[in-house]
Protein backbone atom coordinates (compact mmCIF):
# COMPACT_ATOMS: atom_id res chain seq x y z
CA GLY A 1 145.84 12.40 162.10
CA ILE A 2 144.76 14.74 164.86
CA HIS A 3 141.42 16.45 164.26
CA ARG A 4 141.49 20.22 164.80
CA SER A 5 138.32 22.25 165.34
CA PRO A 6 137.93 25.16 162.90
CA LEU A 7 138.81 28.60 164.21
CA LEU A 8 135.71 30.58 165.20
CA LEU A 9 135.42 33.97 163.52
CA GLN A 10 133.27 36.67 165.10
CA PHE A 11 131.72 39.59 163.25
CA PRO A 12 129.91 42.65 164.65
CA SER A 13 127.46 42.78 161.73
CA GLN A 14 125.30 40.20 160.00
CA PHE A 15 126.26 41.96 156.78
CA LEU A 16 129.94 41.07 157.09
CA ARG A 17 129.10 37.56 158.30
CA ASN A 18 126.97 37.01 155.21
CA LYS A 19 129.79 38.22 152.98
CA PHE A 20 132.13 35.62 154.45
CA LEU A 21 129.47 32.96 153.91
CA GLU A 22 129.29 34.04 150.27
CA TRP A 23 133.07 33.65 150.07
CA GLY A 24 132.82 30.05 151.18
CA ILE A 25 133.61 30.12 154.92
CA PRO A 26 131.60 27.32 156.65
CA GLU A 27 128.65 28.63 158.66
CA ASP A 28 129.72 26.89 161.87
CA GLN A 29 132.99 28.84 161.83
CA ILE A 30 131.30 32.24 161.78
CA ASP A 31 129.52 33.87 164.67
CA HIS A 32 127.71 37.21 164.95
CA MET A 33 128.28 39.33 168.04
CA ARG A 34 127.22 42.95 168.16
CA THR A 35 130.01 45.32 169.22
CA GLY A 36 129.98 46.76 172.71
CA ILE A 37 131.14 50.33 173.35
CA ASP A 38 132.43 52.33 176.30
CA LEU A 39 129.20 53.59 177.82
CA GLN A 40 131.01 55.26 180.71
CA MET A 41 131.62 58.36 178.60
CA PHE A 42 127.84 58.85 178.39
CA GLU A 43 127.11 58.65 182.11
CA GLY A 44 124.86 61.56 183.02
CA TYR A 45 124.25 62.29 179.33
CA GLN A 46 121.46 64.74 178.65
CA ALA A 47 120.44 66.20 175.30
CA LYS A 48 120.49 69.99 175.08
CA PRO A 49 117.36 71.39 173.39
CA ALA A 50 117.44 74.17 170.80
CA ASP A 51 114.92 76.21 168.81
CA HIS A 52 116.21 74.93 165.45
CA LEU A 53 117.12 71.60 163.85
CA ARG A 54 120.79 70.71 164.32
CA VAL A 55 122.23 68.32 161.73
CA THR A 56 125.69 66.84 162.31
CA PHE A 57 128.34 64.66 160.69
CA ILE A 58 131.06 63.13 162.87
CA GLY A 59 133.79 61.01 161.31
CA THR A 60 136.75 60.79 158.99
CA ILE A 61 136.87 63.45 156.28
CA ALA A 62 137.48 61.29 153.22
CA PRO A 63 135.59 60.62 149.96
CA HIS A 64 134.35 57.16 150.99
CA LYS A 65 132.60 58.72 154.00
CA GLY A 66 130.32 60.68 151.67
CA VAL A 67 130.55 64.09 153.33
CA HIS A 68 130.23 65.73 149.91
CA LEU A 69 126.83 64.05 149.45
CA LEU A 70 125.57 65.66 152.63
CA LEU A 71 126.82 69.10 151.61
CA GLN A 72 125.40 68.73 148.08
CA ALA A 73 122.03 67.75 149.51
CA TRP A 74 122.16 70.68 151.92
CA GLN A 75 123.09 73.10 149.13
CA ARG A 76 120.01 72.18 147.07
CA ILE A 77 117.66 73.03 149.92
CA GLU A 78 116.43 76.60 149.62
CA PRO A 79 118.31 79.10 151.82
CA GLU A 80 115.10 80.14 153.57
CA VAL A 81 114.45 76.49 154.52
CA ARG A 82 117.95 75.47 155.57
CA GLY A 83 118.32 78.81 157.33
CA LYS A 84 116.07 77.39 160.03
CA ALA A 85 118.60 74.62 160.67
CA THR A 86 122.35 74.19 161.08
CA LEU A 87 124.80 71.68 159.64
CA ARG A 88 128.10 70.99 161.40
CA ILE A 89 130.84 68.73 160.02
CA PHE A 90 133.28 67.29 162.57
CA GLY A 91 136.43 65.52 161.41
CA PRO A 92 140.18 65.98 161.00
CA PRO A 93 140.93 68.08 157.89
CA SER A 94 144.49 66.86 157.31
CA HIS A 95 143.93 63.38 155.81
CA ASN A 96 142.91 64.49 152.31
CA PRO A 97 143.65 68.18 151.59
CA THR A 98 142.28 68.09 148.02
CA TYR A 99 138.99 66.62 149.17
CA VAL A 100 138.77 68.99 152.14
CA SER A 101 139.30 71.93 149.79
CA LYS A 102 136.25 70.78 147.84
CA LEU A 103 134.26 70.52 151.06
CA VAL A 104 135.30 74.03 152.10
CA SER A 105 133.85 75.40 148.86
CA LEU A 106 130.64 73.42 149.29
CA SER A 107 130.23 74.47 152.92
CA LEU A 108 130.70 78.15 152.07
CA ALA A 109 128.07 77.82 149.35
CA CYS A 110 125.46 76.28 151.63
CA GLY A 111 126.14 77.77 155.06
CA ALA A 112 127.48 74.62 156.72
CA THR A 113 130.46 74.78 159.07
CA LEU A 114 133.57 72.60 159.12
CA GLU A 115 134.38 72.25 162.80
CA GLY A 116 137.65 70.29 162.51
CA ARG A 117 138.74 67.33 164.60
CA LEU A 118 136.48 66.24 167.45
CA ALA A 119 138.29 64.84 170.49
CA ARG A 120 136.94 61.56 171.86
CA GLU A 121 136.01 63.20 175.16
CA ALA A 122 133.94 65.79 173.25
CA VAL A 123 131.74 63.31 171.36
CA SER A 124 129.14 63.23 174.13
CA ASP A 125 128.77 67.01 174.09
CA ALA A 126 128.54 67.10 170.29
CA LEU A 127 125.78 64.48 170.28
CA ALA A 128 123.95 66.37 173.03
CA GLU A 129 123.73 69.28 170.59
CA THR A 130 122.63 67.12 167.65
CA ASP A 131 119.05 66.50 166.57
CA LEU A 132 119.97 64.45 163.51
CA LEU A 133 123.24 62.62 162.87
CA VAL A 134 123.99 61.79 159.23
CA VAL A 135 126.24 58.89 158.18
CA PRO A 136 126.36 59.12 154.36
CA SER A 137 129.16 56.65 153.59
CA ILE A 138 129.42 55.41 150.01
CA TRP A 139 130.97 52.10 151.02
CA TYR A 140 129.30 49.37 153.04
CA GLU A 141 130.79 50.01 156.50
CA ASN A 142 130.69 47.27 159.12
CA SER A 143 129.67 48.55 162.56
CA PRO A 144 130.48 52.27 162.78
CA LEU A 145 131.29 53.40 166.29
CA ILE A 146 129.56 56.75 165.85
CA ILE A 147 126.27 54.99 164.99
CA LEU A 148 126.51 52.89 168.14
CA GLU A 149 127.23 56.03 170.15
CA ALA A 150 124.24 57.77 168.59
CA LEU A 151 122.05 54.78 169.46
CA ALA A 152 123.37 54.86 173.04
CA THR A 153 122.35 58.52 173.35
CA LYS A 154 119.08 58.07 171.41
CA THR A 155 120.22 60.47 168.71
CA PRO A 156 118.12 60.20 165.52
CA LEU A 157 120.10 58.99 162.49
CA ILE A 158 120.07 59.23 158.70
CA VAL A 159 122.29 56.56 157.15
CA SER A 160 123.03 55.03 153.75
CA ASP A 161 120.78 52.06 153.07
CA LEU A 162 123.41 49.33 152.63
CA GLY A 163 125.85 47.35 154.74
CA GLY A 164 126.36 47.62 158.46
CA MET A 165 124.84 51.11 158.56
CA ALA A 166 121.40 50.03 157.37
CA GLU A 167 121.52 47.02 159.68
CA LEU A 168 122.06 49.19 162.76
CA VAL A 169 119.38 51.80 162.03
CA GLU A 170 115.74 50.75 161.85
CA PRO A 171 113.63 53.20 159.80
CA GLY A 172 110.91 54.82 161.86
CA ARG A 173 112.41 53.46 165.08
CA THR A 174 115.91 54.91 165.41
CA GLY A 175 116.19 56.95 162.24
CA PHE A 176 115.95 56.85 158.46
CA HIS A 177 117.66 55.37 155.40
CA PHE A 178 118.48 56.99 152.08
CA ALA A 179 119.77 55.47 148.84
CA MET A 180 123.53 55.04 149.11
CA GLY A 181 125.40 57.56 146.96
CA SER A 182 122.33 59.65 146.16
CA SER A 183 122.48 63.24 147.37
CA GLU A 184 119.01 63.68 145.86
CA ASP A 185 117.50 61.02 148.12
CA LEU A 186 119.41 62.37 151.12
CA GLU A 187 117.95 65.79 150.31
CA ARG A 188 114.48 64.22 150.33
CA VAL A 189 114.96 62.76 153.82
CA LEU A 190 116.48 65.98 155.16
CA ARG A 191 113.58 68.01 153.79
CA ASP A 192 111.09 65.65 155.40
CA CYS A 193 112.82 65.99 158.78
CA MET A 194 112.92 69.77 158.46
CA ALA A 195 109.23 69.93 157.51
CA ASN A 196 108.21 67.64 160.36
CA PRO A 197 110.86 67.74 163.13
CA ALA A 198 108.32 66.42 165.66
CA GLN A 199 108.72 62.96 164.11
CA LEU A 200 112.22 62.84 165.60
CA ASP A 201 110.72 62.97 169.07
CA ASP A 202 108.76 59.80 168.31
CA LEU A 203 111.90 57.75 167.62
CA TYR A 204 113.50 55.34 170.05
CA GLY A 205 112.12 53.53 173.05
CA GLU A 206 113.33 51.71 176.10
CA ASP A 207 114.02 48.58 174.02
CA VAL A 208 116.90 50.20 172.09
CA ILE A 209 119.95 48.94 173.98
CA VAL A 210 123.64 49.21 173.12
CA ARG A 211 126.00 46.65 174.62
CA ASN A 212 128.69 47.74 177.06
CA VAL A 213 132.28 47.00 176.01
CA THR A 214 132.77 45.02 179.25
CA GLU A 215 129.86 42.75 178.37
CA ASP A 216 131.27 42.43 174.87
CA ALA A 217 134.68 41.34 176.19
CA GLU A 218 133.15 38.84 178.62
CA ASP A 219 130.98 37.26 175.93
CA MET A 220 133.92 37.03 173.54
CA GLU A 221 136.11 35.41 176.18
CA THR A 222 133.36 32.91 176.98
CA SER A 223 132.94 32.10 173.31
CA TYR A 224 136.64 31.53 172.70
CA ARG A 225 137.09 29.51 175.88
CA ALA A 226 134.31 27.22 174.66
CA GLU A 227 136.03 26.97 171.28
CA ILE A 228 139.39 26.13 172.89
CA ARG A 229 137.71 23.53 175.10
CA ALA A 230 136.08 21.91 172.08
CA ARG A 231 139.42 21.87 170.25
CA VAL A 232 141.21 20.23 173.18
CA GLU A 233 138.46 17.65 173.61
CA GLY A 234 138.52 16.95 169.89
CA GLU A 235 142.26 16.36 169.89
CA SER A 236 142.01 14.11 172.98
CA SER A 237 139.37 11.94 171.34
CA ASN A 238 141.65 11.34 168.36
CA LEU A 239 144.69 10.26 170.36
């Protein structure tokens, strides 16, 4: 019969690639390629300084995104401590009204603000007014766009310590990890950042680079053209 080369699968995180290996997909069929993003929206980007720590969440308002963990952690911090900082939650409130209602109560109790949906063109401005972006998801995630955008703008991050989130954020270099699902451990990291905000200025360096979406597309096309070429050559050799 005619030999057919296996289809090449590409994953933006080593985490997801490893999961597919665990599920029995042959290693030579799976490739890792970090996702590129549209960097054009950050041309001329410049962070806007403030005299207080600005903590932000940007994403989908749903239980698996862990927004409640962030608000619970914030609520346990003494009012006189968190009063020297702000917490803003950006995300569409219409997906899960019951859950959003719970978040409204939590935010009122701890002084956070629910800002509603954030338009794509406004992400740059929101990050420019963010000193610490929190991604507290309680599922693994793969390669969250908002983390890549934070890396592109050198915005310090706090993320859950599993899956594609942990893989993207290097503790002490681009941000911090906390134990997934633990509002207590998230509180610990938040307190540490509030007590020593100068440590955020020491994060990042010139070697933190996020791929452009154009580069991503070119590399993917090159990879698949090579795969197609190998398939054609393999079929020809079996004729």
